[in-house]
N, C-alpha and C. Protein backbone atom coordinates (compact mmCIF):
# COMPACT_ATOMS: atom_id res chain seq x y z
N MET A 1 3.04 -37.85 -62.73
CA MET A 1 2.80 -39.22 -62.41
C MET A 1 1.86 -39.33 -61.19
N GLY A 2 1.88 -38.31 -60.24
CA GLY A 2 1.25 -38.46 -58.94
C GLY A 2 -0.21 -38.15 -59.15
N GLY A 3 -0.39 -37.18 -60.39
CA GLY A 3 -1.87 -36.84 -60.74
C GLY A 3 -2.63 -38.17 -61.31
N TYR A 4 -1.94 -39.27 -61.83
CA TYR A 4 -2.70 -40.40 -62.41
C TYR A 4 -3.04 -41.38 -61.10
N SER A 5 -2.13 -41.23 -60.21
CA SER A 5 -2.26 -42.23 -59.00
C SER A 5 -3.48 -41.62 -58.09
N LEU A 6 -3.67 -40.31 -57.95
CA LEU A 6 -4.59 -39.64 -57.23
C LEU A 6 -6.10 -39.84 -57.84
N ARG A 7 -6.06 -39.90 -59.27
CA ARG A 7 -7.15 -40.11 -60.02
C ARG A 7 -7.55 -41.73 -59.81
N ALA A 8 -6.58 -42.43 -59.82
CA ALA A 8 -7.02 -43.88 -59.60
C ALA A 8 -7.50 -44.26 -58.27
N VAL A 9 -7.15 -43.50 -57.13
CA VAL A 9 -7.43 -43.58 -55.83
C VAL A 9 -8.98 -43.19 -55.77
N VAL A 10 -9.24 -41.98 -56.31
CA VAL A 10 -10.47 -41.40 -56.35
C VAL A 10 -11.59 -42.36 -56.84
N ALA A 11 -11.01 -42.77 -58.07
CA ALA A 11 -12.03 -43.62 -59.00
C ALA A 11 -12.35 -44.81 -58.08
N VAL A 12 -11.29 -45.66 -57.58
CA VAL A 12 -11.56 -46.74 -56.81
C VAL A 12 -12.60 -46.42 -55.48
N GLY A 13 -12.28 -45.23 -54.92
CA GLY A 13 -13.11 -44.89 -53.82
C GLY A 13 -14.46 -44.61 -54.17
N VAL A 14 -14.77 -44.15 -55.32
CA VAL A 14 -16.02 -43.88 -55.88
C VAL A 14 -16.82 -45.22 -56.29
N LEU A 15 -16.01 -46.04 -56.82
CA LEU A 15 -16.63 -47.25 -57.02
C LEU A 15 -16.97 -48.17 -55.81
N ALA A 16 -16.12 -48.03 -54.76
CA ALA A 16 -16.32 -48.74 -53.57
C ALA A 16 -17.45 -48.15 -52.83
N LEU A 17 -17.97 -46.88 -52.79
CA LEU A 17 -18.96 -46.29 -52.18
C LEU A 17 -20.32 -46.66 -52.97
N MET A 18 -20.07 -46.78 -54.26
CA MET A 18 -21.20 -47.02 -55.19
C MET A 18 -21.90 -48.63 -55.01
N ALA A 19 -20.88 -49.49 -54.78
CA ALA A 19 -21.31 -50.83 -54.78
C ALA A 19 -22.39 -51.14 -53.53
N PRO A 20 -22.05 -50.74 -52.36
CA PRO A 20 -23.16 -50.96 -51.20
C PRO A 20 -24.32 -50.12 -51.45
N ALA A 21 -24.27 -49.00 -52.02
CA ALA A 21 -25.43 -48.15 -52.25
C ALA A 21 -26.27 -48.83 -53.34
N ALA A 22 -25.77 -49.62 -54.30
CA ALA A 22 -26.56 -50.15 -55.52
C ALA A 22 -27.25 -51.47 -54.68
N ALA A 23 -26.41 -52.09 -53.85
CA ALA A 23 -26.90 -53.16 -53.42
C ALA A 23 -28.21 -52.85 -52.32
N ALA A 24 -28.01 -51.81 -51.63
CA ALA A 24 -29.19 -51.31 -50.74
C ALA A 24 -30.40 -50.82 -51.52
N ALA A 25 -30.25 -50.43 -52.79
CA ALA A 25 -31.31 -49.95 -53.36
C ALA A 25 -32.18 -51.07 -54.13
N ALA A 26 -31.59 -52.40 -54.04
CA ALA A 26 -32.55 -53.41 -54.59
C ALA A 26 -33.71 -53.62 -53.65
N THR A 27 -34.92 -53.67 -54.21
CA THR A 27 -36.09 -53.81 -53.48
C THR A 27 -36.80 -55.28 -53.87
N GLY A 28 -37.71 -55.43 -52.87
CA GLY A 28 -38.45 -56.78 -53.13
C GLY A 28 -38.68 -57.42 -51.85
N THR A 29 -39.60 -58.42 -51.79
CA THR A 29 -39.75 -59.18 -50.61
C THR A 29 -39.15 -60.51 -50.69
N TYR A 30 -38.35 -60.97 -49.64
CA TYR A 30 -37.76 -62.14 -49.65
C TYR A 30 -38.72 -63.13 -49.19
N ALA A 31 -38.80 -64.40 -49.90
CA ALA A 31 -39.67 -65.55 -49.43
C ALA A 31 -39.03 -66.67 -50.11
N PRO A 32 -38.74 -67.80 -49.35
CA PRO A 32 -38.06 -68.93 -49.92
C PRO A 32 -38.76 -69.41 -51.12
N VAL A 33 -38.15 -70.21 -52.14
CA VAL A 33 -38.79 -70.66 -53.19
C VAL A 33 -39.62 -71.85 -52.92
N THR A 34 -39.04 -72.60 -52.17
CA THR A 34 -40.02 -73.94 -51.70
C THR A 34 -40.00 -73.93 -50.16
N PRO A 35 -40.95 -73.44 -49.58
CA PRO A 35 -40.91 -73.42 -48.16
C PRO A 35 -41.21 -74.75 -47.78
N ARG A 36 -40.77 -75.07 -46.37
CA ARG A 36 -40.88 -76.27 -45.91
C ARG A 36 -42.36 -76.59 -45.23
N GLU A 37 -42.97 -75.56 -44.84
CA GLU A 37 -44.30 -75.42 -44.22
C GLU A 37 -44.96 -74.15 -44.47
N PRO A 38 -46.01 -73.93 -44.48
CA PRO A 38 -46.88 -72.89 -44.60
C PRO A 38 -46.33 -71.70 -43.46
N GLY A 39 -46.28 -70.62 -43.88
CA GLY A 39 -45.86 -69.44 -43.05
C GLY A 39 -46.24 -68.02 -43.59
N LEU A 40 -45.77 -66.99 -42.95
CA LEU A 40 -45.90 -65.75 -43.48
C LEU A 40 -44.48 -65.01 -43.53
N LEU A 41 -43.57 -65.84 -44.03
CA LEU A 41 -42.34 -65.39 -44.32
C LEU A 41 -42.40 -64.31 -45.30
N GLY A 42 -41.53 -63.22 -45.09
CA GLY A 42 -41.57 -62.04 -45.96
C GLY A 42 -42.58 -60.89 -45.62
N SER A 43 -43.30 -61.30 -44.61
CA SER A 43 -44.30 -60.27 -44.18
C SER A 43 -43.80 -59.20 -43.11
N GLU A 44 -44.14 -58.06 -43.17
CA GLU A 44 -43.53 -56.95 -42.52
C GLU A 44 -44.51 -55.87 -42.25
N VAL A 45 -44.17 -55.22 -41.06
CA VAL A 45 -45.02 -54.06 -40.57
C VAL A 45 -44.09 -52.96 -40.25
N SER A 46 -44.51 -51.69 -40.23
CA SER A 46 -43.84 -50.49 -39.76
C SER A 46 -44.55 -49.45 -39.43
N GLY A 47 -44.21 -48.62 -38.52
CA GLY A 47 -44.96 -47.55 -38.13
C GLY A 47 -44.47 -46.15 -38.63
N ARG A 48 -45.13 -45.29 -39.17
CA ARG A 48 -44.79 -44.08 -39.77
C ARG A 48 -45.78 -42.98 -39.52
N CYS A 49 -45.45 -41.67 -39.85
CA CYS A 49 -46.40 -40.61 -39.77
C CYS A 49 -46.88 -40.23 -41.19
N ALA A 50 -48.16 -40.17 -41.31
CA ALA A 50 -48.84 -39.63 -42.70
C ALA A 50 -49.79 -38.68 -42.32
N ASP A 51 -49.71 -37.52 -42.92
CA ASP A 51 -50.60 -36.28 -42.59
C ASP A 51 -50.74 -35.90 -41.29
N GLY A 52 -49.69 -36.00 -40.43
CA GLY A 52 -49.85 -35.69 -39.17
C GLY A 52 -50.25 -36.83 -38.09
N VAL A 53 -50.65 -38.05 -38.70
CA VAL A 53 -51.17 -39.21 -37.92
C VAL A 53 -50.37 -40.39 -37.87
N ALA A 54 -50.14 -41.10 -36.85
CA ALA A 54 -49.35 -42.38 -36.92
C ALA A 54 -50.23 -43.35 -37.72
N VAL A 55 -49.59 -44.08 -38.52
CA VAL A 55 -50.13 -45.10 -39.30
C VAL A 55 -49.27 -46.48 -39.19
N ILE A 56 -49.70 -47.55 -39.41
CA ILE A 56 -49.03 -48.71 -39.60
C ILE A 56 -49.25 -49.33 -40.98
N ASP A 57 -47.94 -49.42 -41.72
CA ASP A 57 -47.88 -50.04 -42.93
C ASP A 57 -47.58 -51.58 -42.79
N TYR A 58 -48.49 -52.34 -43.60
CA TYR A 58 -48.38 -53.75 -43.57
C TYR A 58 -48.15 -54.52 -44.88
N ALA A 59 -47.44 -55.43 -45.00
CA ALA A 59 -47.32 -56.19 -46.17
C ALA A 59 -47.41 -57.75 -45.59
N VAL A 60 -48.47 -58.58 -45.90
CA VAL A 60 -48.72 -59.87 -45.34
C VAL A 60 -48.38 -60.71 -46.70
N GLN A 61 -47.41 -61.63 -46.58
CA GLN A 61 -47.22 -62.73 -47.60
C GLN A 61 -47.49 -63.96 -47.14
N ALA A 62 -48.43 -64.82 -47.48
CA ALA A 62 -48.72 -66.02 -46.95
C ALA A 62 -47.89 -66.93 -48.02
N VAL A 63 -47.04 -67.78 -47.50
CA VAL A 63 -46.14 -68.72 -48.41
C VAL A 63 -46.52 -70.22 -47.97
N GLY A 64 -46.85 -70.87 -49.14
CA GLY A 64 -46.98 -72.25 -48.96
C GLY A 64 -48.57 -72.64 -48.44
N ALA A 65 -49.26 -71.63 -48.31
CA ALA A 65 -50.59 -72.19 -47.47
C ALA A 65 -51.63 -72.36 -48.83
N GLU A 66 -52.44 -73.34 -48.53
CA GLU A 66 -53.49 -73.70 -49.45
C GLU A 66 -54.76 -73.28 -49.02
N GLY A 67 -55.77 -73.05 -49.94
CA GLY A 67 -57.18 -72.74 -49.61
C GLY A 67 -57.24 -71.34 -49.23
N PRO A 68 -58.54 -71.02 -48.91
CA PRO A 68 -58.88 -69.60 -48.44
C PRO A 68 -58.15 -69.47 -46.99
N LEU A 69 -57.53 -68.08 -46.79
CA LEU A 69 -56.80 -67.90 -45.81
C LEU A 69 -57.66 -67.04 -44.65
N GLY A 70 -58.45 -66.33 -45.11
CA GLY A 70 -59.36 -65.54 -44.22
C GLY A 70 -58.82 -64.24 -43.95
N PRO A 71 -59.40 -63.38 -43.12
CA PRO A 71 -59.03 -62.11 -42.72
C PRO A 71 -57.70 -62.27 -41.96
N ALA A 72 -56.88 -61.09 -42.13
CA ALA A 72 -55.56 -60.96 -41.44
C ALA A 72 -55.72 -59.95 -40.20
N ARG A 73 -54.99 -60.13 -39.24
CA ARG A 73 -55.04 -59.12 -38.07
C ARG A 73 -53.83 -58.97 -37.36
N LEU A 74 -53.62 -57.82 -36.87
CA LEU A 74 -52.31 -57.61 -36.21
C LEU A 74 -52.66 -57.64 -34.67
N GLU A 75 -51.91 -58.43 -33.81
CA GLU A 75 -52.11 -58.18 -32.51
C GLU A 75 -51.13 -57.71 -31.70
N LEU A 76 -51.37 -56.64 -30.79
CA LEU A 76 -50.52 -55.91 -30.13
C LEU A 76 -50.69 -56.21 -28.69
N THR A 77 -49.30 -56.17 -27.97
CA THR A 77 -49.47 -56.28 -26.64
C THR A 77 -48.34 -55.85 -25.91
N ASP A 78 -48.64 -55.15 -24.61
CA ASP A 78 -47.28 -54.91 -23.99
C ASP A 78 -47.13 -55.72 -22.64
N GLY A 79 -47.70 -56.89 -22.58
CA GLY A 79 -47.59 -57.64 -21.63
C GLY A 79 -48.87 -57.80 -20.49
N ARG A 80 -49.38 -56.63 -20.55
CA ARG A 80 -50.53 -56.48 -19.68
C ARG A 80 -52.00 -56.39 -20.49
N SER A 81 -51.73 -55.60 -21.52
CA SER A 81 -53.01 -55.17 -22.41
C SER A 81 -52.88 -55.76 -23.76
N ARG A 82 -53.96 -55.97 -24.34
CA ARG A 82 -53.85 -56.51 -25.79
C ARG A 82 -54.80 -55.87 -26.64
N ALA A 83 -54.52 -55.56 -27.95
CA ALA A 83 -55.29 -54.79 -28.94
C ALA A 83 -55.16 -55.67 -30.16
N THR A 84 -56.32 -55.81 -30.94
CA THR A 84 -56.44 -56.46 -32.29
C THR A 84 -56.72 -55.31 -33.43
N VAL A 85 -55.87 -55.37 -34.34
CA VAL A 85 -56.03 -54.30 -35.45
C VAL A 85 -56.57 -55.16 -36.66
N PRO A 86 -57.78 -55.08 -37.08
CA PRO A 86 -58.28 -56.04 -38.19
C PRO A 86 -57.68 -55.47 -39.47
N LEU A 87 -57.24 -56.44 -40.32
CA LEU A 87 -56.82 -56.33 -41.76
C LEU A 87 -57.78 -56.86 -42.55
N PRO A 88 -57.84 -56.51 -43.95
CA PRO A 88 -58.43 -57.22 -44.80
C PRO A 88 -58.24 -58.51 -45.05
N GLU A 89 -58.91 -59.42 -45.84
CA GLU A 89 -58.65 -60.73 -46.10
C GLU A 89 -57.55 -60.87 -47.26
N VAL A 90 -56.83 -61.72 -47.01
CA VAL A 90 -55.61 -62.18 -47.75
C VAL A 90 -55.94 -62.66 -49.00
N SER A 91 -55.86 -62.18 -50.08
CA SER A 91 -56.12 -62.83 -51.34
C SER A 91 -54.88 -62.96 -52.21
N ALA A 92 -54.73 -63.85 -53.05
CA ALA A 92 -53.66 -64.28 -53.91
C ALA A 92 -52.40 -64.06 -53.05
N ASP A 93 -52.34 -64.71 -51.87
CA ASP A 93 -51.23 -64.85 -50.92
C ASP A 93 -50.71 -63.56 -50.55
N ARG A 94 -51.10 -62.32 -50.94
CA ARG A 94 -50.31 -61.05 -50.55
C ARG A 94 -51.45 -59.87 -50.32
N LEU A 95 -51.01 -59.29 -49.38
CA LEU A 95 -51.81 -57.95 -48.72
C LEU A 95 -51.11 -56.88 -48.37
N GLU A 96 -51.23 -55.86 -48.90
CA GLU A 96 -50.51 -54.63 -48.45
C GLU A 96 -51.55 -53.31 -48.23
N GLY A 97 -51.03 -52.57 -47.38
CA GLY A 97 -51.91 -51.38 -47.18
C GLY A 97 -51.50 -50.59 -45.77
N SER A 98 -52.21 -49.83 -45.41
CA SER A 98 -51.97 -48.92 -44.10
C SER A 98 -53.15 -48.83 -43.39
N VAL A 99 -53.09 -48.75 -42.01
CA VAL A 99 -54.15 -48.62 -41.06
C VAL A 99 -53.56 -47.63 -40.15
N ARG A 100 -54.74 -46.81 -39.62
CA ARG A 100 -54.36 -45.76 -38.49
C ARG A 100 -53.94 -46.64 -37.18
N TRP A 101 -52.83 -46.04 -36.66
CA TRP A 101 -52.37 -46.61 -35.41
C TRP A 101 -53.65 -46.60 -34.29
N PRO A 102 -53.61 -47.62 -33.65
CA PRO A 102 -54.64 -47.80 -32.57
C PRO A 102 -54.23 -46.77 -31.43
N GLY A 103 -54.97 -46.11 -30.86
CA GLY A 103 -54.92 -45.17 -29.91
C GLY A 103 -54.59 -43.73 -30.40
N GLU A 104 -54.58 -43.54 -31.69
CA GLU A 104 -54.51 -42.26 -32.27
C GLU A 104 -55.67 -41.22 -32.18
N ASP A 105 -56.83 -41.81 -31.77
CA ASP A 105 -57.98 -40.97 -31.59
C ASP A 105 -57.82 -40.29 -30.18
N PRO A 106 -58.11 -38.93 -30.32
CA PRO A 106 -57.70 -38.30 -28.97
C PRO A 106 -58.94 -38.24 -27.96
N ARG A 107 -59.89 -38.66 -28.47
CA ARG A 107 -61.25 -38.80 -27.78
C ARG A 107 -61.22 -40.22 -26.96
N ASP A 108 -60.29 -41.12 -27.31
CA ASP A 108 -60.25 -42.41 -26.72
C ASP A 108 -59.01 -42.76 -26.26
N ASP A 109 -58.72 -42.77 -24.92
CA ASP A 109 -57.10 -42.92 -24.47
C ASP A 109 -57.08 -44.33 -23.95
N ARG A 110 -57.95 -45.26 -24.11
CA ARG A 110 -57.88 -46.51 -23.60
C ARG A 110 -56.63 -47.34 -24.36
N LEU A 111 -56.25 -46.96 -25.73
CA LEU A 111 -55.24 -47.55 -26.31
C LEU A 111 -53.96 -46.67 -26.24
N ASN A 112 -53.65 -45.72 -25.42
CA ASN A 112 -52.40 -44.91 -25.46
C ASN A 112 -51.23 -45.81 -25.12
N TRP A 113 -51.50 -47.05 -24.58
CA TRP A 113 -50.26 -48.01 -24.35
C TRP A 113 -49.46 -48.60 -25.55
N THR A 114 -50.35 -48.38 -26.55
CA THR A 114 -49.90 -48.99 -27.87
C THR A 114 -48.76 -48.14 -28.34
N THR A 115 -48.35 -46.89 -27.78
CA THR A 115 -47.42 -46.08 -28.34
C THR A 115 -46.06 -46.34 -27.49
N GLY A 116 -46.15 -47.37 -26.60
CA GLY A 116 -44.98 -47.58 -25.73
C GLY A 116 -44.31 -48.92 -26.38
N ASP A 117 -43.72 -49.53 -25.40
CA ASP A 117 -42.94 -50.86 -25.56
C ASP A 117 -44.06 -51.85 -25.86
N ILE A 118 -44.11 -52.34 -27.21
CA ILE A 118 -45.08 -53.37 -27.48
C ILE A 118 -44.46 -54.41 -28.34
N ARG A 119 -44.99 -55.57 -28.33
CA ARG A 119 -44.98 -56.78 -29.31
C ARG A 119 -46.01 -56.86 -30.17
N ALA A 120 -45.70 -57.17 -31.54
CA ALA A 120 -46.73 -57.22 -32.44
C ALA A 120 -46.77 -58.63 -33.10
N GLU A 121 -47.75 -59.29 -33.43
CA GLU A 121 -47.75 -60.53 -34.26
C GLU A 121 -49.03 -60.46 -35.16
N LEU A 122 -48.52 -60.90 -36.60
CA LEU A 122 -49.40 -60.94 -37.72
C LEU A 122 -49.98 -62.11 -37.72
N ARG A 123 -51.41 -62.41 -37.81
CA ARG A 123 -52.09 -63.63 -37.83
C ARG A 123 -52.93 -63.61 -39.13
N VAL A 124 -53.18 -64.68 -39.77
CA VAL A 124 -53.65 -65.10 -40.91
C VAL A 124 -54.26 -66.44 -40.65
N GLY A 125 -55.59 -66.67 -40.34
CA GLY A 125 -55.95 -67.98 -40.12
C GLY A 125 -55.11 -68.74 -38.93
N GLU A 126 -54.53 -69.89 -39.25
CA GLU A 126 -53.77 -70.55 -38.33
C GLU A 126 -52.17 -70.02 -38.25
N LEU A 127 -51.95 -69.30 -39.34
CA LEU A 127 -50.66 -68.80 -39.49
C LEU A 127 -50.29 -67.62 -38.75
N SER A 128 -49.12 -67.35 -37.99
CA SER A 128 -48.69 -66.26 -37.42
C SER A 128 -47.19 -65.91 -37.34
N LEU A 129 -46.93 -64.78 -37.18
CA LEU A 129 -45.53 -64.34 -37.26
C LEU A 129 -45.30 -63.17 -36.46
N GLU A 130 -44.35 -63.24 -35.54
CA GLU A 130 -43.90 -62.18 -34.52
C GLU A 130 -43.17 -61.14 -35.42
N VAL A 131 -43.45 -59.80 -35.52
CA VAL A 131 -42.88 -58.88 -36.29
C VAL A 131 -42.56 -57.52 -35.28
N PRO A 132 -41.43 -56.90 -35.75
CA PRO A 132 -41.20 -55.92 -34.97
C PRO A 132 -41.87 -54.61 -35.26
N LEU A 133 -42.24 -53.93 -34.43
CA LEU A 133 -43.08 -52.76 -34.59
C LEU A 133 -42.89 -51.72 -33.61
N ARG A 134 -42.62 -50.46 -34.07
CA ARG A 134 -42.35 -49.31 -33.02
C ARG A 134 -43.29 -48.09 -33.47
N TYR A 135 -43.71 -47.32 -32.50
CA TYR A 135 -44.46 -46.28 -32.73
C TYR A 135 -43.55 -45.04 -33.37
N PRO A 136 -44.10 -44.34 -34.37
CA PRO A 136 -43.14 -43.64 -34.98
C PRO A 136 -42.67 -42.32 -34.20
N GLU A 137 -41.41 -41.91 -34.50
CA GLU A 137 -41.00 -40.74 -33.63
C GLU A 137 -42.02 -39.76 -33.48
N SER A 138 -42.11 -39.21 -32.21
CA SER A 138 -43.12 -38.29 -32.10
C SER A 138 -42.66 -36.80 -32.01
N PRO A 139 -43.51 -35.84 -32.15
CA PRO A 139 -44.89 -35.92 -32.46
C PRO A 139 -44.97 -35.96 -34.17
N CYS A 140 -45.96 -36.60 -34.54
CA CYS A 140 -46.13 -36.90 -35.86
C CYS A 140 -46.71 -35.61 -36.69
N ALA A 141 -47.15 -34.69 -35.86
CA ALA A 141 -47.67 -33.38 -36.32
C ALA A 141 -46.56 -32.49 -36.81
N ALA A 142 -45.42 -32.73 -36.13
CA ALA A 142 -44.24 -31.77 -36.52
C ALA A 142 -43.89 -32.13 -37.83
N VAL A 143 -43.92 -33.30 -38.32
CA VAL A 143 -43.30 -33.57 -39.56
C VAL A 143 -44.37 -33.79 -40.74
N ALA A 144 -45.61 -33.50 -40.40
CA ALA A 144 -46.59 -33.58 -41.44
C ALA A 144 -46.42 -32.58 -42.51
N GLY A 145 -46.41 -32.91 -43.85
CA GLY A 145 -46.35 -32.04 -44.88
C GLY A 145 -45.04 -31.74 -45.22
N ASP A 146 -43.95 -32.21 -44.41
CA ASP A 146 -42.48 -32.00 -44.72
C ASP A 146 -41.76 -33.28 -44.95
N PRO A 147 -41.78 -33.78 -46.15
CA PRO A 147 -41.10 -35.09 -46.20
C PRO A 147 -39.60 -34.99 -46.14
N LEU A 148 -39.07 -33.85 -46.38
CA LEU A 148 -37.46 -33.78 -46.10
C LEU A 148 -37.23 -33.94 -44.67
N ALA A 149 -38.04 -33.64 -43.68
CA ALA A 149 -37.69 -33.61 -42.30
C ALA A 149 -37.79 -35.23 -41.78
N VAL A 150 -38.40 -36.20 -42.71
CA VAL A 150 -38.50 -37.49 -42.55
C VAL A 150 -37.53 -38.24 -43.21
N THR A 151 -37.32 -37.88 -44.45
CA THR A 151 -36.39 -38.71 -45.41
C THR A 151 -35.06 -38.18 -45.64
N GLY A 152 -34.88 -36.67 -45.44
CA GLY A 152 -33.69 -36.11 -45.89
C GLY A 152 -33.50 -35.86 -47.27
N SER A 153 -34.15 -36.59 -48.04
CA SER A 153 -34.08 -36.27 -49.50
C SER A 153 -35.11 -36.97 -50.35
N SER A 154 -35.42 -36.64 -51.44
CA SER A 154 -36.46 -37.25 -52.28
C SER A 154 -35.69 -38.12 -53.37
N LEU A 155 -34.23 -37.94 -53.53
CA LEU A 155 -33.37 -38.44 -54.50
C LEU A 155 -32.84 -39.93 -54.16
N PRO A 156 -32.66 -40.74 -54.92
CA PRO A 156 -32.25 -42.16 -54.50
C PRO A 156 -30.74 -41.86 -54.04
N GLN A 157 -30.40 -42.83 -53.29
CA GLN A 157 -29.00 -42.73 -52.50
C GLN A 157 -27.83 -42.83 -53.50
N PRO A 158 -28.00 -43.92 -54.66
CA PRO A 158 -26.94 -43.87 -55.58
C PRO A 158 -26.71 -42.63 -56.40
N VAL A 159 -27.85 -41.84 -56.64
CA VAL A 159 -27.66 -40.81 -57.42
C VAL A 159 -27.08 -39.59 -56.50
N LEU A 160 -27.33 -39.52 -55.02
CA LEU A 160 -26.64 -38.51 -54.42
C LEU A 160 -25.09 -38.97 -54.31
N ILE A 161 -24.87 -40.07 -54.07
CA ILE A 161 -23.49 -40.55 -53.95
C ILE A 161 -22.76 -40.22 -55.18
N GLY A 162 -23.21 -40.49 -56.30
CA GLY A 162 -22.80 -40.11 -57.57
C GLY A 162 -22.50 -38.90 -57.86
N GLY A 163 -23.49 -38.10 -57.54
CA GLY A 163 -23.29 -36.62 -57.71
C GLY A 163 -22.29 -36.13 -56.85
N VAL A 164 -22.21 -36.58 -55.63
CA VAL A 164 -20.99 -35.99 -54.86
C VAL A 164 -19.69 -36.47 -55.39
N ALA A 165 -19.59 -37.63 -55.70
CA ALA A 165 -18.34 -38.29 -56.40
C ALA A 165 -17.89 -37.44 -57.64
N ALA A 166 -18.89 -37.03 -58.36
CA ALA A 166 -18.53 -36.37 -59.50
C ALA A 166 -18.04 -34.79 -59.22
N VAL A 167 -18.60 -34.21 -58.37
CA VAL A 167 -18.07 -32.96 -57.89
C VAL A 167 -16.60 -33.01 -57.21
N VAL A 168 -16.48 -33.94 -56.48
CA VAL A 168 -15.13 -34.13 -55.84
C VAL A 168 -14.12 -34.57 -56.81
N LEU A 169 -14.38 -35.41 -57.72
CA LEU A 169 -13.48 -35.80 -58.82
C LEU A 169 -13.33 -34.48 -59.70
N GLY A 170 -14.22 -33.85 -60.05
CA GLY A 170 -14.09 -32.59 -60.91
C GLY A 170 -13.13 -31.73 -60.24
N GLY A 171 -13.39 -31.46 -58.87
CA GLY A 171 -12.55 -30.51 -58.35
C GLY A 171 -11.03 -30.98 -58.10
N VAL A 172 -10.78 -32.14 -57.99
CA VAL A 172 -9.52 -32.97 -58.01
C VAL A 172 -8.80 -32.74 -59.32
N LEU A 173 -9.41 -33.09 -60.36
CA LEU A 173 -8.89 -32.86 -61.77
C LEU A 173 -8.59 -31.32 -62.06
N ALA A 174 -9.44 -30.45 -61.59
CA ALA A 174 -9.43 -28.96 -62.06
C ALA A 174 -8.07 -28.60 -61.32
N TRP A 175 -8.05 -28.86 -59.91
CA TRP A 175 -6.78 -28.56 -59.06
C TRP A 175 -5.72 -29.29 -59.68
N GLY A 176 -5.58 -30.46 -60.20
CA GLY A 176 -4.41 -30.98 -60.78
C GLY A 176 -3.95 -30.14 -61.96
N SER A 177 -4.95 -29.96 -62.97
CA SER A 177 -4.69 -29.28 -64.07
C SER A 177 -4.15 -27.92 -63.89
N ARG A 178 -4.57 -27.01 -62.92
CA ARG A 178 -4.07 -25.70 -62.72
C ARG A 178 -2.66 -25.77 -62.03
N ARG A 179 -2.41 -27.09 -61.28
CA ARG A 179 -1.16 -27.15 -60.66
C ARG A 179 0.02 -27.36 -61.83
N ARG A 180 -0.56 -28.21 -62.54
CA ARG A 180 0.41 -28.38 -64.00
C ARG A 180 0.72 -27.07 -64.59
N ARG A 181 -0.30 -26.51 -64.99
CA ARG A 181 -0.09 -25.19 -65.79
C ARG A 181 0.86 -24.26 -65.06
N ARG A 182 1.00 -24.24 -63.69
CA ARG A 182 1.47 -23.30 -62.85
C ARG A 182 3.18 -23.80 -63.18
N ARG A 183 3.24 -25.12 -63.02
CA ARG A 183 4.63 -25.69 -63.21
C ARG A 183 5.26 -25.43 -64.46
N VAL A 184 4.45 -25.44 -65.60
CA VAL A 184 5.05 -25.30 -66.95
C VAL A 184 5.12 -23.84 -67.26
N GLY A 185 4.28 -22.98 -66.91
CA GLY A 185 4.29 -21.59 -67.18
C GLY A 185 4.98 -20.89 -66.12
């Protein structure tokens, strides 16, 4: 009888672990279906290392805007200095890509302040949105070419959790089966 309750506990535990992982695996950009006014809702930026160099990934989504939007830009400031990172023109209300982090050129140290505590704002025409942005963990050169150092694994989280749960469940079942055979024999 104890073996069945242990199996039930393990099964419930596995299911409890899988539900948040499945929810976290959902991807997509959130934007309201009917915005009240035009904006850049759903837009985001992030810093990362790519081939030993810091880059800024951007995804600009213009919501509810009409007509040509014009070129996009990312404005960075530390309160004393200001830098503008030009981005391409937003077409079809969406723009995605990567640009080199300003200040990554070793011959030009005028923008080194961008690797510290900064504020960032996306701008497309009259639309703007303050976005969180941080320089990637340094040094970028230490993790270049080694994706495991950055991500930990190339497998999706649900696959990893399912694999671990299957190994644990198999071990518990084998242990229980062996224990029963010892009692009988």
